[in-house]
Amino acid sequence: MKRLILSLLLIFFFLSVKSQQLFYLNDIPANPNFGVALQDSHLFVIKNFGVSAFNISQPVSPVFISSVTPQYWPLTLYADGDYLYCGGGMVGQLAVLDISQPATMTIVHQDPGVTGTVYQFAKSAQHLYFTSNQDTLFTADISNAATPVITSRISLNQTFTEGVAIAGNHLFLGSTGGILFYDLTNPAQPVYQSSYPGNFRKLSYNQQDQQLYALNLNGDIAVYNAANLNALAFQYSIPADASNFTAVGKRLAILTNGGGVTLMETGSTSANILGTFNTPAPGGQQNAIAMQDSIIAYTTVNSTYLLKYGFVNPQGIPESSSYQNGWIGFCLTDQSLKWNTPEQLKQLIQNTRIFDATGGEVFRSNNTAPCKMNTGSLPLAYQIELKNGHVIHGRIALER
């Protein structure tokens, strides 16, 4: 075994990086495109009125692997484990796809009794909640995930309802009649409690920071403190000119009416812009957006776009480097840190995040993100960054 020390070269590379950005990865042309979902290393998208699956283990080069076409064309997708739930378009219908083997995904259930256009799903334990443009809130028992059973259909009194979000034993709906609040003590039968004024569309709940995000008809995103679920407290509004959005924790990926994506991170009093990307012409209508880790997928009428939030152009350093068994030694003293488990590393370092060279987070010491490391060895294309932006490491030793 031979060790190669690359301290000066890699220190220069890492310290020359100023900030993360949104980078274009690829786009998949088709017309039309609607709902989109990301799960693990796969992208699912509604294109040409069917559902297509792509392998995005190398997101700069998505590979088509399969497609299916439900009886009625779907509009909205929701991925959950081995199953993909498809909400119908103007004709309606709820369809379920088995995606345990994405290369051979199959339709396992279709319920034409679900009528109207479905815009958003939300899951709580063994129940799935969604609304239709026919002013109905549907509750489905998915204890058998492949065959949902509708347990309730609630009329929403002629309010156009699009958004659904779950917070504990509470359900929020975004509608033209305000934010509607339901109790889920009996999850099979939501019970209406109250409403908050306004005209709203999509919703998302950030459990960690107890914030509810609500897109209104003006394209702004209202941020509510939901620490007391029985009394939402308005915090501030994000003027986003948004047509749609998705949220993972406090990060919002926003589709703008102007034709692009804005990535933001929310706080208690304001939100900061992390990056922007403008859709190349011809852009077309912005439809749906999904986010997983540092990958963002969104659809326009003409294409499905893949973006990545990272430090460098994702095509710059391939992770399939021949130096895959290198190890990183770094610390605030003269000795390198050594660990055997992620838990030991967390005890050694506080407030530290580890990213791959494309900006994908693989470890966070406060355990708010999944840890993908089991031992103290990392590929070459990894770096250590403190939350205050200072990069520290003593050396990087590579073995072949």
Protein backbone atom coordinates (compact mmCIF):
# COMPACT_ATOMS: atom_id res chain seq x y z
CA MET A 1 0.00 0.00 0.00
CA LYS A 2 1.29 3.43 -0.86
CA ARG A 3 0.10 6.65 0.75
CA LEU A 4 -0.15 9.85 -1.16
CA ILE A 5 -0.41 13.09 0.80
CA LEU A 6 -2.26 15.84 -1.06
CA SER A 7 -2.49 18.50 1.64
CA LEU A 8 -1.59 21.60 -0.36
CA LEU A 9 -3.58 20.69 -3.46
CA LEU A 10 -6.77 19.81 -1.60
CA ILE A 11 -6.50 22.66 0.89
CA PHE A 12 -6.35 25.01 -2.10
CA PHE A 13 -9.36 23.28 -3.70
CA PHE A 14 -11.53 23.32 -0.61
CA LEU A 15 -10.66 26.80 0.60
CA SER A 16 -11.12 28.30 -2.86
CA VAL A 17 -14.80 27.27 -2.77
CA LYS A 18 -16.83 30.29 -1.67
CA SER A 19 -20.40 29.10 -1.42
CA GLN A 20 -22.90 26.55 -2.55
CA GLN A 21 -25.01 27.15 -5.64
CA LEU A 22 -27.81 25.58 -7.64
CA PHE A 23 -26.32 23.71 -10.60
CA TYR A 24 -28.06 22.33 -13.66
CA LEU A 25 -27.55 18.57 -14.03
CA ASN A 26 -29.72 17.47 -16.92
CA ASP A 27 -33.20 17.67 -18.41
CA ILE A 28 -35.50 15.06 -19.88
CA PRO A 29 -37.56 16.41 -22.80
CA ALA A 30 -41.20 15.34 -23.14
CA ASN A 31 -44.57 16.97 -23.55
CA PRO A 32 -46.49 17.14 -21.34
CA ASN A 33 -44.89 16.66 -17.88
CA PHE A 34 -46.76 16.86 -14.60
CA GLY A 35 -46.12 15.31 -11.16
CA VAL A 36 -42.63 14.34 -10.02
CA ALA A 37 -41.22 12.34 -7.09
CA LEU A 38 -37.75 11.38 -5.86
CA GLN A 39 -36.96 8.28 -3.84
CA ASP A 40 -33.45 7.04 -3.13
CA SER A 41 -31.66 6.82 -6.49
CA HIS A 42 -34.79 7.02 -8.62
CA LEU A 43 -36.85 9.73 -10.27
CA PHE A 44 -40.53 9.19 -11.08
CA VAL A 45 -42.29 11.61 -13.38
CA ILE A 46 -45.62 11.85 -15.17
CA LYS A 47 -44.76 12.31 -18.83
CA ASN A 48 -46.80 11.62 -21.95
CA PHE A 49 -49.77 10.80 -19.68
CA GLY A 50 -47.99 7.82 -18.07
CA VAL A 51 -45.52 7.37 -15.20
CA SER A 52 -41.85 6.92 -16.10
CA ALA A 53 -39.00 5.79 -13.84
CA PHE A 54 -35.38 6.87 -14.20
CA ASN A 55 -32.26 5.69 -12.41
CA ILE A 56 -30.46 8.82 -11.15
CA SER A 57 -27.64 7.19 -9.18
CA GLN A 58 -25.56 9.38 -11.50
CA PRO A 59 -27.92 12.39 -11.63
CA VAL A 60 -25.99 14.08 -14.42
CA SER A 61 -26.98 11.13 -16.62
CA PRO A 62 -30.51 9.92 -15.78
CA VAL A 63 -31.30 6.53 -17.31
CA PHE A 64 -34.86 5.59 -18.31
CA ILE A 65 -35.76 2.16 -16.92
CA SER A 66 -39.54 1.66 -17.15
CA SER A 67 -42.98 3.20 -17.59
CA VAL A 68 -46.63 2.35 -16.97
CA THR A 69 -49.89 4.02 -17.98
CA PRO A 70 -52.83 4.01 -15.54
CA GLN A 71 -56.35 3.90 -16.97
CA TYR A 72 -56.75 7.64 -16.47
CA TRP A 73 -53.78 9.99 -16.72
CA PRO A 74 -52.38 11.02 -13.32
CA LEU A 75 -51.37 14.51 -12.24
CA THR A 76 -49.75 14.10 -8.81
CA LEU A 77 -47.27 11.59 -7.35
CA TYR A 78 -46.44 10.58 -3.78
CA ALA A 79 -43.70 8.00 -3.09
CA ASP A 80 -43.83 5.97 0.12
CA GLY A 81 -41.57 2.95 0.50
CA ASP A 82 -42.34 0.33 -2.12
CA TYR A 83 -45.37 2.17 -3.47
CA LEU A 84 -46.11 5.22 -5.56
CA TYR A 85 -49.54 6.83 -5.20
CA CYS A 86 -50.89 8.61 -8.27
CA GLY A 87 -53.64 11.21 -8.01
CA GLY A 88 -55.72 11.59 -11.14
CA GLY A 89 -56.03 14.60 -13.42
CA MET A 90 -59.31 16.07 -14.61
CA VAL A 91 -60.98 12.65 -14.85
CA GLY A 92 -59.87 11.56 -11.39
CA GLN A 93 -58.84 8.17 -9.99
CA LEU A 94 -56.37 6.94 -7.39
CA ALA A 95 -53.75 4.52 -8.73
CA VAL A 96 -51.03 2.64 -6.84
CA LEU A 97 -47.77 1.45 -8.42
CA ASP A 98 -45.43 -1.14 -6.94
CA ILE A 99 -41.96 0.44 -7.24
CA SER A 100 -40.05 -2.11 -5.15
CA GLN A 101 -38.29 -2.92 -8.43
CA PRO A 102 -38.40 0.39 -10.34
CA ALA A 103 -37.15 -1.26 -13.54
CA THR A 104 -40.30 -3.38 -13.58
CA MET A 105 -42.82 -1.20 -11.74
CA THR A 106 -46.40 -2.36 -12.02
CA ILE A 107 -49.92 -1.03 -11.42
CA VAL A 108 -51.36 -2.89 -8.43
CA HIS A 109 -54.50 -0.86 -7.70
CA GLN A 110 -56.83 1.59 -9.43
CA ASP A 111 -59.86 3.21 -7.78
CA PRO A 112 -62.08 5.14 -10.22
CA GLY A 113 -64.29 6.09 -7.27
CA VAL A 114 -61.83 8.86 -6.39
CA THR A 115 -63.14 11.70 -8.53
CA GLY A 116 -61.63 15.05 -9.43
CA THR A 117 -58.08 16.38 -9.72
CA VAL A 118 -55.73 15.53 -6.84
CA TYR A 119 -53.02 18.12 -6.09
CA GLN A 120 -51.24 16.98 -2.92
CA PHE A 121 -50.96 13.96 -0.60
CA ALA A 122 -50.04 13.75 3.09
CA LYS A 123 -49.49 10.63 5.18
CA SER A 124 -49.89 9.99 8.89
CA ALA A 125 -49.10 6.48 10.15
CA GLN A 126 -51.43 4.13 8.25
CA HIS A 127 -53.60 6.76 6.58
CA LEU A 128 -53.25 8.86 3.44
CA TYR A 129 -55.08 12.19 3.06
CA PHE A 130 -55.74 14.11 -0.15
CA THR A 131 -58.28 16.48 -1.63
CA SER A 132 -59.82 16.87 -5.05
CA ASN A 133 -61.04 19.85 -7.03
CA GLN A 134 -64.54 18.51 -6.44
CA ASP A 135 -64.38 19.93 -2.89
CA THR A 136 -63.79 16.60 -1.19
CA LEU A 137 -61.31 15.52 1.48
CA PHE A 138 -60.48 11.83 1.07
CA THR A 139 -59.05 9.58 3.79
CA ALA A 140 -57.55 6.23 2.75
CA ASP A 141 -56.51 3.41 5.06
CA ILE A 142 -53.16 2.14 3.70
CA SER A 143 -52.40 -0.48 6.36
CA ASN A 144 -52.23 -2.65 3.25
CA ALA A 145 -50.25 -0.17 1.19
CA ALA A 146 -51.04 -1.81 -2.14
CA THR A 147 -54.81 -1.58 -1.75
CA PRO A 148 -55.97 1.68 -0.13
CA VAL A 149 -59.46 1.65 1.35
CA ILE A 150 -61.34 4.95 1.39
CA THR A 151 -62.67 5.45 4.94
CA SER A 152 -64.18 8.92 4.59
CA ARG A 153 -65.20 11.51 2.01
CA ILE A 154 -65.83 14.93 3.50
CA SER A 155 -67.45 17.77 1.58
CA LEU A 156 -65.54 21.02 1.95
CA ASN A 157 -68.51 23.32 1.36
CA GLN A 158 -67.50 24.48 -2.10
CA THR A 159 -64.04 25.77 -1.19
CA PHE A 160 -61.34 24.96 -3.75
CA THR A 161 -58.81 22.95 -1.75
CA GLU A 162 -55.33 22.07 -2.98
CA GLY A 163 -52.90 21.72 -0.06
CA VAL A 164 -52.63 19.07 2.66
CA ALA A 165 -50.22 18.93 5.61
CA ILE A 166 -50.00 16.77 8.76
CA ALA A 167 -48.78 17.97 12.15
CA GLY A 168 -49.12 15.38 14.89
CA ASN A 169 -52.80 14.51 15.27
CA HIS A 170 -53.83 17.50 13.21
CA LEU A 171 -54.56 17.99 9.54
CA PHE A 172 -54.30 21.33 7.71
CA LEU A 173 -55.88 22.03 4.33
CA GLY A 174 -54.95 24.94 2.08
CA SER A 175 -58.09 26.30 0.42
CA THR A 176 -59.72 29.40 -1.02
CA GLY A 177 -61.66 29.48 2.25
CA GLY A 178 -58.49 29.73 4.36
CA ILE A 179 -56.39 27.15 6.18
CA LEU A 180 -58.84 24.52 7.39
CA PHE A 181 -57.95 22.69 10.61
CA TYR A 182 -59.04 19.09 11.35
CA ASP A 183 -58.55 16.82 14.36
CA LEU A 184 -57.18 13.32 13.64
CA THR A 185 -57.83 11.67 17.00
CA ASN A 186 -59.68 9.11 14.90
CA PRO A 187 -57.38 9.05 11.86
CA ALA A 188 -60.01 7.35 9.69
CA GLN A 189 -62.53 10.16 10.27
CA PRO A 190 -61.05 13.72 10.36
CA VAL A 191 -63.17 16.17 12.38
CA TYR A 192 -63.32 19.85 11.40
CA GLN A 193 -62.17 22.25 14.16
CA SER A 194 -61.62 25.75 12.80
CA SER A 195 -60.11 27.85 10.00
CA TYR A 196 -57.60 30.66 9.53
CA PRO A 197 -58.45 33.42 7.02
CA GLY A 198 -56.83 33.71 3.60
CA ASN A 199 -56.67 32.10 0.17
CA PHE A 200 -54.20 29.24 0.09
CA ARG A 201 -52.90 26.48 -2.14
CA LYS A 202 -50.02 24.11 -1.25
CA LEU A 203 -48.96 23.47 2.38
CA SER A 204 -45.97 21.90 4.12
CA TYR A 205 -45.14 21.34 7.79
CA ASN A 206 -41.61 21.58 9.23
CA GLN A 207 -41.76 19.40 12.33
CA GLN A 208 -38.29 20.26 13.65
CA ASP A 209 -38.93 24.01 13.76
CA GLN A 210 -42.71 23.70 14.19
CA GLN A 211 -43.46 25.90 11.20
CA LEU A 212 -46.30 25.63 8.70
CA TYR A 213 -45.61 26.93 5.17
CA ALA A 214 -48.64 28.03 3.14
CA LEU A 215 -48.57 29.17 -0.50
CA ASN A 216 -51.27 31.76 -1.17
CA LEU A 217 -52.95 32.74 -4.43
CA ASN A 218 -50.65 35.76 -4.81
CA GLY A 219 -47.58 33.54 -4.99
CA ASP A 220 -46.33 34.45 -1.50
CA ILE A 221 -45.49 31.81 1.11
CA ALA A 222 -46.82 32.56 4.59
CA VAL A 223 -44.81 31.13 7.51
CA TYR A 224 -46.73 30.27 10.68
CA ASN A 225 -45.47 29.27 14.10
CA ALA A 226 -47.30 26.01 14.78
CA ALA A 227 -45.90 25.28 18.24
CA ASN A 228 -49.52 25.52 19.42
CA LEU A 229 -51.40 23.57 16.78
CA ASN A 230 -54.70 24.92 18.04
CA ALA A 231 -53.64 28.52 17.42
CA LEU A 232 -51.36 29.22 14.46
CA ALA A 233 -49.30 32.39 14.85
CA PHE A 234 -48.28 34.25 11.67
CA GLN A 235 -44.50 34.94 11.59
CA TYR A 236 -43.73 36.47 8.19
CA SER A 237 -44.38 36.21 4.48
CA ILE A 238 -41.93 35.26 1.71
CA PRO A 239 -42.61 37.24 -1.51
CA ALA A 240 -41.72 34.37 -3.84
CA ASP A 241 -43.93 34.79 -6.94
CA ALA A 242 -44.42 31.04 -6.56
CA SER A 243 -46.55 28.65 -8.56
CA ASN A 244 -45.58 25.62 -6.47
CA PHE A 245 -43.08 24.58 -3.81
CA THR A 246 -41.77 21.65 -1.81
CA ALA A 247 -40.05 21.61 1.57
CA VAL A 248 -37.54 19.39 3.33
CA GLY A 249 -37.07 20.64 6.87
CA LYS A 250 -36.49 24.39 6.72
CA ARG A 251 -35.43 24.38 3.07
CA LEU A 252 -37.99 25.43 0.47
CA ALA A 253 -37.53 24.70 -3.23
CA ILE A 254 -39.84 27.14 -5.00
CA LEU A 255 -41.10 27.08 -8.58
CA THR A 256 -41.53 30.68 -9.67
CA ASN A 257 -44.06 32.06 -12.12
CA GLY A 258 -41.14 33.79 -13.82
CA GLY A 259 -39.80 30.41 -14.94
CA GLY A 260 -37.22 29.00 -12.58
CA VAL A 261 -36.37 27.70 -9.11
CA THR A 262 -35.44 29.53 -5.93
CA LEU A 263 -34.00 27.58 -2.99
CA MET A 264 -34.53 29.22 0.41
CA GLU A 265 -33.89 28.43 4.05
CA THR A 266 -36.35 29.66 6.65
CA GLY A 267 -35.65 31.10 10.08
CA SER A 268 -37.85 32.40 12.87
CA THR A 269 -38.14 35.94 11.46
CA SER A 270 -37.07 35.71 7.79
CA ALA A 271 -35.90 33.41 5.00
CA ASN A 272 -32.59 33.51 3.13
CA ILE A 273 -32.05 32.76 -0.55
CA LEU A 274 -29.53 29.93 -1.03
CA GLY A 275 -29.59 29.77 -4.81
CA THR A 276 -31.58 30.40 -7.97
CA PHE A 277 -31.86 28.76 -11.39
CA ASN A 278 -33.69 30.10 -14.44
CA THR A 279 -35.32 27.61 -16.77
CA PRO A 280 -33.82 27.83 -20.28
CA ALA A 281 -36.20 28.82 -23.08
CA PRO A 282 -38.61 27.43 -24.08
CA GLY A 283 -39.57 27.01 -20.45
CA GLY A 284 -43.32 26.54 -20.58
CA GLN A 285 -45.69 26.27 -17.66
CA GLN A 286 -44.09 25.28 -14.33
CA ASN A 287 -45.90 22.25 -12.92
CA ALA A 288 -44.42 20.23 -10.06
CA ILE A 289 -41.28 20.12 -7.91
CA ALA A 290 -39.62 17.59 -5.58
CA MET A 291 -36.48 17.66 -3.43
CA GLN A 292 -34.35 14.95 -1.82
CA ASP A 293 -31.10 15.76 -0.04
CA SER A 294 -29.27 18.10 -2.45
CA ILE A 295 -31.20 17.03 -5.58
CA ILE A 296 -34.15 19.01 -6.95
CA ALA A 297 -36.40 17.79 -9.75
CA TYR A 298 -39.09 19.90 -11.37
CA THR A 299 -41.31 19.74 -14.41
CA THR A 300 -42.38 22.18 -17.07
CA VAL A 301 -44.68 21.42 -19.98
CA ASN A 302 -41.62 20.70 -22.12
CA SER A 303 -39.10 19.00 -19.81
CA THR A 304 -38.19 17.55 -16.45
CA TYR A 305 -35.14 19.30 -14.97
CA LEU A 306 -32.61 17.99 -12.45
CA LEU A 307 -30.65 20.43 -10.28
CA LYS A 308 -28.17 20.03 -7.45
CA TYR A 309 -27.32 22.37 -4.60
CA GLY A 310 -23.59 22.14 -4.00
CA PHE A 311 -20.17 23.73 -3.75
CA VAL A 312 -18.84 22.86 -7.19
CA ASN A 313 -20.17 21.90 -10.56
CA PRO A 314 -21.29 18.29 -9.95
CA GLN A 315 -19.51 17.18 -13.12
CA GLY A 316 -16.17 18.37 -11.74
CA ILE A 317 -15.06 15.50 -9.50
CA PRO A 318 -16.51 12.02 -10.12
CA GLU A 319 -17.06 10.00 -6.97
CA SER A 320 -15.93 6.88 -8.85
CA SER A 321 -12.34 8.01 -8.39
CA SER A 322 -9.61 5.34 -8.20
CA TYR A 323 -8.78 6.78 -4.77
CA GLN A 324 -11.97 5.55 -3.13
CA ASN A 325 -10.32 4.17 0.00
CA GLY A 326 -8.70 7.33 1.25
CA TRP A 327 -9.15 8.56 4.78
CA ILE A 328 -9.42 12.09 6.10
CA GLY A 329 -7.53 13.17 9.16
CA PHE A 330 -8.54 16.56 10.55
CA CYS A 331 -8.92 18.31 13.87
CA LEU A 332 -8.48 21.55 15.76
CA THR A 333 -5.21 20.29 17.24
CA ASP A 334 -2.19 18.55 15.76
CA GLN A 335 -3.67 15.08 15.99
CA SER A 336 -5.98 13.49 13.49
CA LEU A 337 -9.35 12.31 14.68
CA LYS A 338 -10.12 8.63 14.46
CA TRP A 339 -13.48 6.92 14.87
CA ASN A 340 -15.12 3.56 14.41
CA THR A 341 -18.78 4.55 14.31
CA PRO A 342 -20.77 7.68 13.40
CA GLU A 343 -21.74 7.96 17.07
CA GLN A 344 -18.09 8.22 18.12
CA LEU A 345 -17.52 10.88 15.48
CA LYS A 346 -20.47 12.88 16.80
CA GLN A 347 -18.87 12.87 20.24
CA LEU A 348 -15.58 14.14 18.82
CA ILE A 349 -16.96 16.95 16.68
CA GLN A 350 -19.83 19.31 17.37
CA ASN A 351 -21.78 21.26 14.72
CA THR A 352 -19.87 19.68 11.85
CA ARG A 353 -21.22 18.66 8.47
CA ILE A 354 -19.56 16.40 5.90
CA PHE A 355 -20.35 16.91 2.20
CA ASP A 356 -19.28 15.12 -0.89
CA ALA A 357 -17.61 17.25 -3.53
CA THR A 358 -20.90 17.86 -5.29
CA GLY A 359 -22.46 19.36 -2.19
CA GLY A 360 -24.46 16.31 -1.07
CA GLU A 361 -24.55 16.06 2.71
CA VAL A 362 -23.49 12.66 4.02
CA PHE A 363 -23.09 13.40 7.73
CA ARG A 364 -24.25 16.00 10.23
CA SER A 365 -22.97 15.75 13.79
CA ASN A 366 -26.25 16.86 15.37
CA ASN A 367 -27.92 13.90 13.61
CA THR A 368 -30.60 15.95 11.84
CA ALA A 369 -29.69 14.29 8.55
CA PRO A 370 -29.27 10.59 7.77
CA CYS A 371 -25.74 9.33 8.27
CA LYS A 372 -24.33 7.36 5.37
CA MET A 373 -21.00 6.47 6.99
CA ASN A 374 -20.33 3.41 9.11
CA THR A 375 -16.59 3.68 9.66
CA GLY A 376 -13.94 6.36 9.69
CA SER A 377 -13.07 6.12 6.00
CA LEU A 378 -14.21 8.46 3.29
CA PRO A 379 -13.68 8.67 -0.48
CA LEU A 380 -11.46 11.37 -1.93
CA ALA A 381 -14.45 13.46 -2.95
CA TYR A 382 -15.41 14.39 0.61
CA GLN A 383 -14.70 17.45 2.67
CA ILE A 384 -15.27 18.65 6.21
CA GLU A 385 -16.97 22.00 6.77
CA LEU A 386 -17.90 23.74 9.99
CA LYS A 387 -21.27 25.47 10.10
CA ASN A 388 -19.57 28.86 10.23
CA GLY A 389 -18.11 28.17 6.80
CA HIS A 390 -14.49 27.53 7.81
CA VAL A 391 -12.95 24.40 6.36
CA ILE A 392 -10.50 22.58 8.62
CA HIS A 393 -8.41 19.51 7.97
CA GLY A 394 -4.83 18.54 8.66
CA ARG A 395 -4.23 16.20 5.77
CA ILE A 396 -5.82 13.77 3.38
CA ALA A 397 -3.97 10.49 3.04
CA LEU A 398 -4.87 8.28 0.10
CA GLU A 399 -4.07 4.59 -0.23
CA ARG A 400 -3.98 2.50 -3.37
